[in-house]
Amino acid sequence: AKRNLNMLNHLCGEASLEKVVLVSTKWERFYD
């Protein structure tokens, strides 16, 4: 997961990170 975010950072570049939206998924797997 850390490597994936680093790759995303390199792909987009520091200047374009404001155009990246990080979304968490699979909340439905939790009752609480």
All heavy atoms as atom14 arrays in JSON, in Angstrom:
{
  "sequence": "AKRNLNMLNHLCGEASLEKVVLVSTKWERFYD",
  "atom14_mask": [
    [1, 1, 1, 1, 1, 0, 0, 0, 0, 0, 0, 0, 0, 0],
    [1, 1, 1, 1, 1, 1, 1, 1, 1, 0, 0, 0, 0, 0],
    [1, 1, 1, 1, 1, 1, 1, 1, 1, 1, 1, 0, 0, 0],
    [1, 1, 1, 1, 1, 1, 1, 1, 0, 0, 0, 0, 0, 0],
    [1, 1, 1, 1, 1, 1, 1, 1, 0, 0, 0, 0, 0, 0],
    [1, 1, 1, 1, 1, 1, 1, 1, 0, 0, 0, 0, 0, 0],
    [1, 1, 1, 1, 1, 1, 1, 1, 0, 0, 0, 0, 0, 0],
    [1, 1, 1, 1, 1, 1, 1, 1, 0, 0, 0, 0, 0, 0],
    [1, 1, 1, 1, 1, 1, 1, 1, 0, 0, 0, 0, 0, 0],
    [1, 1, 1, 1, 1, 1, 1, 1, 1, 1, 0, 0, 0, 0],
    [1, 1, 1, 1, 1, 1, 1, 1, 0, 0, 0, 0, 0, 0],
    [1, 1, 1, 1, 1, 1, 0, 0, 0, 0, 0, 0, 0, 0],
    [1, 1, 1, 1, 0, 0, 0, 0, 0, 0, 0, 0, 0, 0],
    [1, 1, 1, 1, 1, 1, 1, 1, 1, 0, 0, 0, 0, 0],
    [1, 1, 1, 1, 1, 0, 0, 0, 0, 0, 0, 0, 0, 0],
    [1, 1, 1, 1, 1, 1, 0, 0, 0, 0, 0, 0, 0, 0],
    [1, 1, 1, 1, 1, 1, 1, 1, 0, 0, 0, 0, 0, 0],
    [1, 1, 1, 1, 1, 1, 1, 1, 1, 0, 0, 0, 0, 0],
    [1, 1, 1, 1, 1, 1, 1, 1, 1, 0, 0, 0, 0, 0],
    [1, 1, 1, 1, 1, 1, 1, 0, 0, 0, 0, 0, 0, 0],
    [1, 1, 1, 1, 1, 1, 1, 0, 0, 0, 0, 0, 0, 0],
    [1, 1, 1, 1, 1, 1, 1, 1, 0, 0, 0, 0, 0, 0],
    [1, 1, 1, 1, 1, 1, 1, 0, 0, 0, 0, 0, 0, 0],
    [1, 1, 1, 1, 1, 1, 0, 0, 0, 0, 0, 0, 0, 0],
    [1, 1, 1, 1, 1, 1, 1, 0, 0, 0, 0, 0, 0, 0],
    [1, 1, 1, 1, 1, 1, 1, 1, 1, 0, 0, 0, 0, 0],
    [1, 1, 1, 1, 1, 1, 1, 1, 1, 1, 1, 1, 1, 1],
    [1, 1, 1, 1, 1, 1, 1, 1, 1, 0, 0, 0, 0, 0],
    [1, 1, 1, 1, 1, 1, 1, 1, 1, 1, 1, 0, 0, 0],
    [1, 1, 1, 1, 1, 1, 1, 1, 1, 1, 1, 0, 0, 0],
    [1, 1, 1, 1, 1, 1, 1, 1, 1, 1, 1, 1, 0, 0],
    [1, 1, 1, 1, 1, 1, 1, 1, 0, 0, 0, 0, 0, 0]
  ],
  "atom14_positions": [
    [[0.83, -1.21, 0.0], [0.0, 0.0, 0.0], [0.87, 1.26, 0.0], [0.59, 2.22, -0.72], [-0.93, 0.0, 1.21], [0.0, 0.0, 0.0], [0.0, 0.0, 0.0], [0.0, 0.0, 0.0], [0.0, 0.0, 0.0], [0.0, 0.0, 0.0], [0.0, 0.0, 0.0], [0.0, 0.0, 0.0], [0.0, 0.0, 0.0], [0.0, 0.0, 0.0]],
    [[1.94, 1.23, 0.78], [2.87, 2.36, 0.83], [3.55, 2.56, -0.52], [3.66, 3.67, -1.02], [3.92, 2.13, 1.91], [4.79, 3.32, 2.2], [5.87, 3.02, 3.24], [5.25, 2.52, 4.51], [6.25, 2.25, 5.57], [0.0, 0.0, 0.0], [0.0, 0.0, 0.0], [0.0, 0.0, 0.0], [0.0, 0.0, 0.0], [0.0, 0.0, 0.0]],
    [[3.98, 1.46, -1.14], [4.63, 1.51, -2.45], [3.66, 2.05, -3.51], [4.04, 2.85, -4.36], [5.15, 0.13, -2.83], [6.01, 0.11, -4.06], [6.63, -1.25, -4.33], [5.63, -2.28, -4.53], [5.45, -3.34, -3.73], [6.22, -3.51, -2.67], [4.51, -4.22, -3.98], [0.0, 0.0, 0.0], [0.0, 0.0, 0.0], [0.0, 0.0, 0.0]],
    [[2.39, 1.64, -3.43], [1.39, 2.12, -4.38], [1.2, 3.62, -4.27], [1.1, 4.33, -5.28], [0.05, 1.42, -4.15], [0.08, -0.04, -4.52], [1.0, -0.5, -5.2], [-0.9, -0.77, -4.07], [0.0, 0.0, 0.0], [0.0, 0.0, 0.0], [0.0, 0.0, 0.0], [0.0, 0.0, 0.0], [0.0, 0.0, 0.0], [0.0, 0.0, 0.0]],
    [[1.14, 4.15, -3.06], [1.01, 5.6, -2.88], [2.24, 6.34, -3.37], [2.13, 7.42, -3.95], [0.7, 5.94, -1.43], [-0.73, 5.65, -1.0], [-0.91, 5.98, 0.49], [-1.73, 6.43, -1.83], [0.0, 0.0, 0.0], [0.0, 0.0, 0.0], [0.0, 0.0, 0.0], [0.0, 0.0, 0.0], [0.0, 0.0, 0.0], [0.0, 0.0, 0.0]],
    [[3.42, 5.77, -3.14], [4.65, 6.39, -3.65], [4.64, 6.41, -5.18], [5.03, 7.4, -5.8], [5.89, 5.64, -3.15], [6.18, 5.93, -1.7], [5.78, 6.97, -1.17], [6.85, 5.01, -1.04], [0.0, 0.0, 0.0], [0.0, 0.0, 0.0], [0.0, 0.0, 0.0], [0.0, 0.0, 0.0], [0.0, 0.0, 0.0], [0.0, 0.0, 0.0]],
    [[4.16, 5.32, -5.8], [4.08, 5.26, -7.25], [3.09, 6.3, -7.76], [3.35, 6.98, -8.75], [3.64, 3.85, -7.68], [3.91, 3.56, -9.11], [3.52, 1.88, -9.61], [3.72, 0.89, -8.17], [0.0, 0.0, 0.0], [0.0, 0.0, 0.0], [0.0, 0.0, 0.0], [0.0, 0.0, 0.0], [0.0, 0.0, 0.0], [0.0, 0.0, 0.0]],
    [[1.96, 6.43, -7.08], [0.96, 7.44, -7.45], [1.57, 8.84, -7.35], [1.39, 9.67, -8.23], [-0.25, 7.33, -6.53], [-1.35, 8.36, -6.73], [-2.01, 8.2, -8.09], [-2.38, 8.24, -5.62], [0.0, 0.0, 0.0], [0.0, 0.0, 0.0], [0.0, 0.0, 0.0], [0.0, 0.0, 0.0], [0.0, 0.0, 0.0], [0.0, 0.0, 0.0]],
    [[2.33, 9.08, -6.31], [3.0, 10.37, -6.12], [3.96, 10.66, -7.27], [3.98, 11.77, -7.81], [3.73, 10.38, -4.78], [4.26, 11.74, -4.41], [3.89, 12.74, -4.98], [5.16, 11.76, -3.44], [0.0, 0.0, 0.0], [0.0, 0.0, 0.0], [0.0, 0.0, 0.0], [0.0, 0.0, 0.0], [0.0, 0.0, 0.0], [0.0, 0.0, 0.0]],
    [[4.73, 9.65, -7.68], [5.67, 9.84, -8.8], [4.94, 10.03, -10.12], [5.36, 10.81, -10.96], [6.64, 8.67, -8.9], [7.63, 8.6, -7.78], [7.98, 9.68, -7.01], [8.35, 7.56, -7.28], [8.86, 9.33, -6.1], [9.1, 8.05, -6.24], [0.0, 0.0, 0.0], [0.0, 0.0, 0.0], [0.0, 0.0, 0.0], [0.0, 0.0, 0.0]],
    [[3.84, 9.3, -10.3], [3.07, 9.4, -11.54], [2.47, 10.8, -11.69], [2.54, 11.4, -12.75], [1.96, 8.35, -11.55], [0.98, 8.4, -12.73], [1.7, 8.07, -14.03], [-0.17, 7.43, -12.5], [0.0, 0.0, 0.0], [0.0, 0.0, 0.0], [0.0, 0.0, 0.0], [0.0, 0.0, 0.0], [0.0, 0.0, 0.0], [0.0, 0.0, 0.0]],
    [[1.9, 11.31, -10.62], [1.21, 12.61, -10.68], [2.16, 13.78, -10.51], [1.95, 14.83, -11.1], [0.13, 12.68, -9.59], [-1.16, 11.47, -9.81], [0.0, 0.0, 0.0], [0.0, 0.0, 0.0], [0.0, 0.0, 0.0], [0.0, 0.0, 0.0], [0.0, 0.0, 0.0], [0.0, 0.0, 0.0], [0.0, 0.0, 0.0], [0.0, 0.0, 0.0]],
    [[3.18, 13.6, -9.69], [4.08, 14.71, -9.39], [3.5, 15.57, -8.28], [2.29, 15.66, -8.09], [0.0, 0.0, 0.0], [0.0, 0.0, 0.0], [0.0, 0.0, 0.0], [0.0, 0.0, 0.0], [0.0, 0.0, 0.0], [0.0, 0.0, 0.0], [0.0, 0.0, 0.0], [0.0, 0.0, 0.0], [0.0, 0.0, 0.0], [0.0, 0.0, 0.0]],
    [[4.38, 16.17, -7.53], [4.0, 16.99, -6.37], [3.0, 18.09, -6.73], [2.04, 18.34, -6.01], [5.27, 17.59, -5.75], [5.14, 18.0, -4.32], [4.93, 16.85, -3.35], [5.52, 15.77, -3.53], [4.15, 17.04, -2.4], [0.0, 0.0, 0.0], [0.0, 0.0, 0.0], [0.0, 0.0, 0.0], [0.0, 0.0, 0.0], [0.0, 0.0, 0.0]],
    [[3.2, 18.73, -7.87], [2.35, 19.86, -8.26], [0.92, 19.43, -8.58], [-0.01, 20.22, -8.44], [2.95, 20.57, -9.47], [0.0, 0.0, 0.0], [0.0, 0.0, 0.0], [0.0, 0.0, 0.0], [0.0, 0.0, 0.0], [0.0, 0.0, 0.0], [0.0, 0.0, 0.0], [0.0, 0.0, 0.0], [0.0, 0.0, 0.0], [0.0, 0.0, 0.0]],
    [[0.72, 18.18, -8.98], [-0.61, 17.72, -9.38], [-1.34, 16.94, -8.3], [-2.46, 16.47, -8.52], [-0.51, 16.85, -10.63], [-0.02, 17.6, -11.7], [0.0, 0.0, 0.0], [0.0, 0.0, 0.0], [0.0, 0.0, 0.0], [0.0, 0.0, 0.0], [0.0, 0.0, 0.0], [0.0, 0.0, 0.0], [0.0, 0.0, 0.0], [0.0, 0.0, 0.0]],
    [[-0.74, 16.78, -7.13], [-1.38, 15.99, -6.08], [-2.71, 16.58, -5.62], [-3.56, 15.86, -5.12], [-0.44, 15.81, -4.88], [0.66, 14.78, -5.07], [1.54, 14.7, -3.84], [0.08, 13.41, -5.42], [0.0, 0.0, 0.0], [0.0, 0.0, 0.0], [0.0, 0.0, 0.0], [0.0, 0.0, 0.0], [0.0, 0.0, 0.0], [0.0, 0.0, 0.0]],
    [[-2.92, 17.87, -5.85], [-4.2, 18.47, -5.49], [-5.34, 17.93, -6.35], [-6.5, 18.09, -6.01], [-4.13, 19.98, -5.58], [-3.94, 20.49, -7.0], [-3.71, 21.99, -7.07], [-3.25, 22.57, -6.08], [-4.0, 22.55, -8.13], [0.0, 0.0, 0.0], [0.0, 0.0, 0.0], [0.0, 0.0, 0.0], [0.0, 0.0, 0.0], [0.0, 0.0, 0.0]],
    [[-5.01, 17.26, -7.45], [-6.02, 16.68, -8.33], [-6.27, 15.2, -8.02], [-6.98, 14.53, -8.76], [-5.61, 16.83, -9.79], [-5.57, 18.27, -10.25], [-5.2, 18.36, -11.69], [-5.21, 19.81, -12.15], [-4.97, 19.93, -13.57], [0.0, 0.0, 0.0], [0.0, 0.0, 0.0], [0.0, 0.0, 0.0], [0.0, 0.0, 0.0], [0.0, 0.0, 0.0]],
    [[-5.69, 14.7, -6.94], [-5.86, 13.31, -6.54], [-6.85, 13.25, -5.38], [-6.75, 14.01, -4.42], [-4.51, 12.69, -6.1], [-4.72, 11.28, -5.56], [-3.53, 12.68, -7.26], [0.0, 0.0, 0.0], [0.0, 0.0, 0.0], [0.0, 0.0, 0.0], [0.0, 0.0, 0.0], [0.0, 0.0, 0.0], [0.0, 0.0, 0.0], [0.0, 0.0, 0.0]],
    [[-7.82, 12.36, -5.52], [-8.79, 12.12, -4.45], [-8.56, 10.71, -3.94], [-8.56, 9.75, -4.71], [-10.25, 12.26, -4.97], [-11.24, 11.94, -3.88], [-10.48, 13.65, -5.53], [0.0, 0.0, 0.0], [0.0, 0.0, 0.0], [0.0, 0.0, 0.0], [0.0, 0.0, 0.0], [0.0, 0.0, 0.0], [0.0, 0.0, 0.0], [0.0, 0.0, 0.0]],
    [[-8.32, 10.58, -2.64], [-8.12, 9.29, -2.02], [-9.45, 8.86, -1.4], [-10.05, 9.61, -0.63], [-7.03, 9.38, -0.95], [-5.67, 9.85, -1.47], [-4.73, 10.16, -0.33], [-5.06, 8.81, -2.39], [0.0, 0.0, 0.0], [0.0, 0.0, 0.0], [0.0, 0.0, 0.0], [0.0, 0.0, 0.0], [0.0, 0.0, 0.0], [0.0, 0.0, 0.0]],
    [[-9.9, 7.66, -1.77], [-11.21, 7.17, -1.34], [-11.05, 5.81, -0.67], [-10.36, 4.94, -1.19], [-12.15, 7.02, -2.57], [-13.5, 6.47, -2.16], [-12.31, 8.35, -3.3], [0.0, 0.0, 0.0], [0.0, 0.0, 0.0], [0.0, 0.0, 0.0], [0.0, 0.0, 0.0], [0.0, 0.0, 0.0], [0.0, 0.0, 0.0], [0.0, 0.0, 0.0]],
    [[-11.68, 5.65, 0.48], [-11.67, 4.34, 1.13], [-12.95, 3.59, 0.75], [-14.02, 4.17, 0.64], [-11.55, 4.48, 2.64], [-12.61, 5.24, 3.17], [0.0, 0.0, 0.0], [0.0, 0.0, 0.0], [0.0, 0.0, 0.0], [0.0, 0.0, 0.0], [0.0, 0.0, 0.0], [0.0, 0.0, 0.0], [0.0, 0.0, 0.0], [0.0, 0.0, 0.0]],
    [[-12.8, 2.29, 0.52], [-13.91, 1.45, 0.07], [-14.15, 0.3, 1.03], [-13.35, 0.07, 1.94], [-13.62, 0.87, -1.33], [-12.44, 0.04, -1.26], [-13.43, 1.96, -2.37], [0.0, 0.0, 0.0], [0.0, 0.0, 0.0], [0.0, 0.0, 0.0], [0.0, 0.0, 0.0], [0.0, 0.0, 0.0], [0.0, 0.0, 0.0], [0.0, 0.0, 0.0]],
    [[-15.2, -0.42, 0.79], [-15.58, -1.65, 1.49], [-16.0, -1.42, 2.94], [-15.83, -2.29, 3.79], [-14.49, -2.7, 1.35], [-14.19, -2.97, -0.13], [-13.62, -4.29, -0.38], [-13.41, -4.45, -1.88], [-12.68, -5.6, -2.23], [0.0, 0.0, 0.0], [0.0, 0.0, 0.0], [0.0, 0.0, 0.0], [0.0, 0.0, 0.0], [0.0, 0.0, 0.0]],
    [[-16.58, -0.29, 3.21], [-17.13, 0.01, 4.53], [-18.27, -0.95, 4.88], [-18.53, -1.2, 6.05], [-17.63, 1.45, 4.58], [-16.55, 2.47, 4.7], [-15.54, 2.72, 3.82], [-16.38, 3.39, 5.77], [-14.76, 3.75, 4.27], [-15.26, 4.18, 5.47], [-17.08, 3.64, 6.95], [-14.8, 5.2, 6.31], [-16.63, 4.64, 7.78], [-15.49, 5.4, 7.46]],
    [[-18.95, -1.48, 3.85], [-20.09, -2.35, 4.09], [-19.7, -3.66, 4.76], [-20.55, -4.4, 5.25], [-20.84, -2.63, 2.77], [-20.15, -3.57, 1.81], [-19.05, -2.92, 0.96], [-18.8, -1.71, 1.1], [-18.44, -3.64, 0.15], [0.0, 0.0, 0.0], [0.0, 0.0, 0.0], [0.0, 0.0, 0.0], [0.0, 0.0, 0.0], [0.0, 0.0, 0.0]],
    [[-18.43, -3.95, 4.86], [-17.97, -5.17, 5.53], [-18.0, -5.05, 7.04], [-17.72, -6.02, 7.74], [-16.55, -5.51, 5.06], [-16.51, -5.91, 3.6], [-15.16, -6.38, 3.2], [-15.22, -6.86, 1.82], [-14.19, -7.38, 1.2], [-13.03, -7.49, 1.81], [-14.32, -7.79, -0.05], [0.0, 0.0, 0.0], [0.0, 0.0, 0.0], [0.0, 0.0, 0.0]],
    [[-18.33, -3.88, 7.55], [-18.34, -3.64, 8.98], [-19.77, -3.4, 9.48], [-20.54, -2.71, 8.83], [-17.48, -2.41, 9.34], [-16.03, -2.59, 9.02], [-15.54, -2.25, 7.77], [-15.16, -3.1, 9.96], [-14.2, -2.42, 7.46], [-13.82, -3.27, 9.66], [-13.33, -2.94, 8.41], [0.0, 0.0, 0.0], [0.0, 0.0, 0.0], [0.0, 0.0, 0.0]],
    [[-20.09, -3.97, 10.62], [-21.38, -3.7, 11.25], [-21.32, -2.39, 12.01], [-22.3, -1.66, 12.12], [-21.76, -4.82, 12.23], [-22.0, -6.13, 11.54], [-21.1, -7.19, 11.68], [-23.11, -6.32, 10.72], [-21.32, -8.39, 11.04], [-23.34, -7.52, 10.07], [-22.44, -8.55, 10.24], [-22.65, -9.73, 9.6], [0.0, 0.0, 0.0], [0.0, 0.0, 0.0]],
    [[-20.16, -2.1, 12.55], [-19.94, -0.89, 13.35], [-18.93, -0.03, 12.59], [-17.81, -0.46, 12.33], [-19.38, -1.3, 14.71], [-19.09, -0.12, 15.62], [-19.32, 1.04, 15.21], [-18.62, -0.35, 16.74], [0.0, 0.0, 0.0], [0.0, 0.0, 0.0], [0.0, 0.0, 0.0], [0.0, 0.0, 0.0], [0.0, 0.0, 0.0], [0.0, 0.0, 0.0]]
  ]
}
